[in-house]
Protein backbone atom coordinates (compact mmCIF):
# COMPACT_ATOMS: atom_id res chain seq x y z
CA MET A 1 -179.38 37.77 188.91
CA ALA A 2 -181.10 35.32 186.61
CA GLU A 3 -179.06 34.56 183.54
CA THR A 4 -180.41 36.13 180.38
CA ALA A 5 -180.52 33.98 177.25
CA PHE A 6 -178.10 35.98 175.12
CA PRO A 7 -177.72 34.91 171.47
CA ASP A 8 -174.53 32.98 170.72
CA ASP A 9 -173.24 35.56 168.24
CA LEU A 10 -173.70 38.35 170.81
CA ARG A 11 -171.84 36.32 173.45
CA ALA A 12 -169.06 35.59 170.95
CA ALA A 13 -168.71 39.25 169.98
CA GLN A 14 -168.58 40.36 173.62
CA THR A 15 -166.03 37.64 174.46
CA ARG A 16 -163.86 38.69 171.52
CA LEU A 17 -164.22 42.35 172.62
CA HIS A 18 -162.87 41.44 176.07
CA GLN A 19 -159.97 39.62 174.42
CA ALA A 20 -159.17 42.40 171.94
CA THR A 21 -159.27 45.01 174.70
CA ALA A 22 -156.90 42.92 176.83
CA GLU A 23 -154.58 42.37 173.85
CA LEU A 24 -154.48 46.10 173.13
CA ALA A 25 -153.77 46.96 176.76
CA ALA A 26 -150.98 44.38 176.97
CA LEU A 27 -149.44 45.62 173.72
CA CYS A 28 -149.54 49.25 174.84
CA ARG A 29 -147.96 48.41 178.22
CA GLY A 30 -144.92 47.04 176.38
CA LEU A 31 -144.48 49.97 174.02
CA PRO A 32 -142.26 53.03 174.53
CA TRP A 33 -144.00 55.92 176.26
CA SER A 34 -144.05 58.10 173.12
CA VAL A 35 -145.25 57.16 169.65
CA GLU A 36 -142.62 59.42 168.08
CA PRO A 37 -138.98 59.52 169.23
CA MET A 38 -138.68 61.97 172.11
CA PRO A 39 -135.83 62.95 174.41
CA GLY A 40 -136.08 62.05 178.06
CA TRP A 41 -135.58 64.35 181.03
CA PRO A 42 -133.85 63.96 184.37
CA GLY A 43 -135.67 63.29 187.60
CA ALA A 44 -135.53 65.37 190.74
CA LYS A 45 -133.18 64.36 193.53
CA HIS A 46 -134.71 64.42 197.01
CA PRO A 47 -132.54 66.61 199.26
CA HIS A 48 -132.67 64.29 202.30
CA THR A 49 -132.70 60.79 200.81
CA ASP A 50 -130.90 61.37 197.50
CA GLU A 51 -133.68 59.32 195.90
CA VAL A 52 -134.32 60.36 192.31
CA THR A 53 -138.00 60.53 191.37
CA GLY A 54 -139.75 61.52 188.19
CA GLY A 55 -137.99 61.94 184.90
CA ARG A 56 -138.08 59.65 181.88
CA GLU A 57 -135.68 57.81 179.68
CA ALA A 58 -135.64 58.83 176.04
CA SER A 59 -138.28 57.15 173.90
CA PRO A 60 -137.19 55.55 170.64
CA GLY A 61 -140.78 55.84 169.39
CA TRP A 62 -142.90 53.06 167.95
CA THR A 63 -141.95 51.04 164.91
CA GLU A 64 -144.27 50.98 161.91
CA GLU A 65 -145.23 47.40 162.85
CA GLU A 66 -146.16 48.52 166.38
CA LYS A 67 -148.22 51.44 165.03
CA GLU A 68 -150.04 49.09 162.66
CA ALA A 69 -150.69 46.54 165.42
CA VAL A 70 -152.16 49.22 167.70
CA ALA A 71 -154.29 50.64 164.88
CA ARG A 72 -155.53 47.16 163.93
CA LEU A 73 -156.50 46.31 167.52
CA ARG A 74 -158.18 49.69 168.06
CA GLU A 75 -160.19 49.19 164.88
CA GLN A 76 -161.13 45.69 165.98
CA CYS A 77 -162.25 46.97 169.39
CA LEU A 78 -164.36 49.65 167.71
CA GLU A 79 -165.99 47.19 165.32
CA LEU A 80 -166.72 44.72 168.12
CA SER A 81 -168.12 47.48 170.34
CA LEU A 82 -170.48 48.48 167.56
CA ALA A 83 -171.46 44.85 166.90
CA VAL A 84 -172.30 44.34 170.57
CA SER A 85 -174.07 47.65 171.20
CA ALA A 86 -176.10 47.60 167.96
CA HIS A 87 -177.01 43.90 168.09
CA PRO A 88 -180.71 43.30 167.29
CA PHE A 89 -181.11 41.45 170.60
CA TRP A 90 -181.17 44.76 172.52
CA ARG A 91 -184.37 45.85 170.75
CA GLN A 92 -186.32 43.07 172.48
CA VAL A 93 -185.04 44.02 175.95
CA GLU A 94 -187.14 46.58 177.81
CA ALA A 95 -185.41 49.97 177.97
CA GLU A 96 -185.05 49.99 181.77
CA LYS A 97 -183.55 46.50 181.72
CA ARG A 98 -180.93 47.12 179.01
CA ALA A 99 -178.19 48.52 181.23
CA PRO A 100 -178.41 45.65 183.76
CA ALA A 101 -178.54 43.13 180.88
CA ARG A 102 -175.49 44.75 179.28
CA SER A 103 -173.62 44.45 182.59
CA GLU A 104 -174.71 40.83 182.86
CA LEU A 105 -173.42 40.11 179.34
CA LYS A 106 -170.04 41.60 180.25
CA GLN A 107 -169.90 39.55 183.44
CA VAL A 108 -170.91 36.20 181.94
CA THR A 109 -168.46 36.52 179.05
CA GLN A 110 -165.50 37.78 181.08
CA ALA A 111 -164.45 34.30 182.27
CA ALA A 112 -164.56 32.89 178.75
CA ALA A 113 -162.30 35.73 177.58
CA ALA A 114 -159.63 35.13 180.22
CA VAL A 115 -156.41 33.86 178.73
CA PRO A 116 -155.03 30.96 180.74
CA VAL A 117 -151.57 31.70 182.13
CA ASP A 118 -148.86 29.07 181.86
CA ILE A 119 -147.56 29.01 185.45
CA ALA A 120 -144.19 27.61 184.42
CA GLU A 121 -143.78 30.37 181.83
CA ALA A 122 -144.90 33.08 184.25
CA ALA A 123 -142.36 31.97 186.87
């Protein structure tokens, strides 16, 4: 696919959208399973292996800071999504070429959005 000449501000918005989405996903993975405090429930014990499956530990709920961080990132993702999808650039792209161009934009900005991992820290 030939690379489309996307405007710099559109590329920047899409890159930041990738980053904000990744930040939100990472934040949510580290949060308790329930926003509000909830009791857990026991798992089921397998009759032949005695392995316990299912069940959940009690959730302490999210702190106010965690709720605010999630809300802030969700709002940022929404604003960036709107900035990308409503960018004036899309008006000059033929209707049948917009979806492939949108996919191309996502693909070409994905690498720039990747957060480098410190191998020493990860180990």
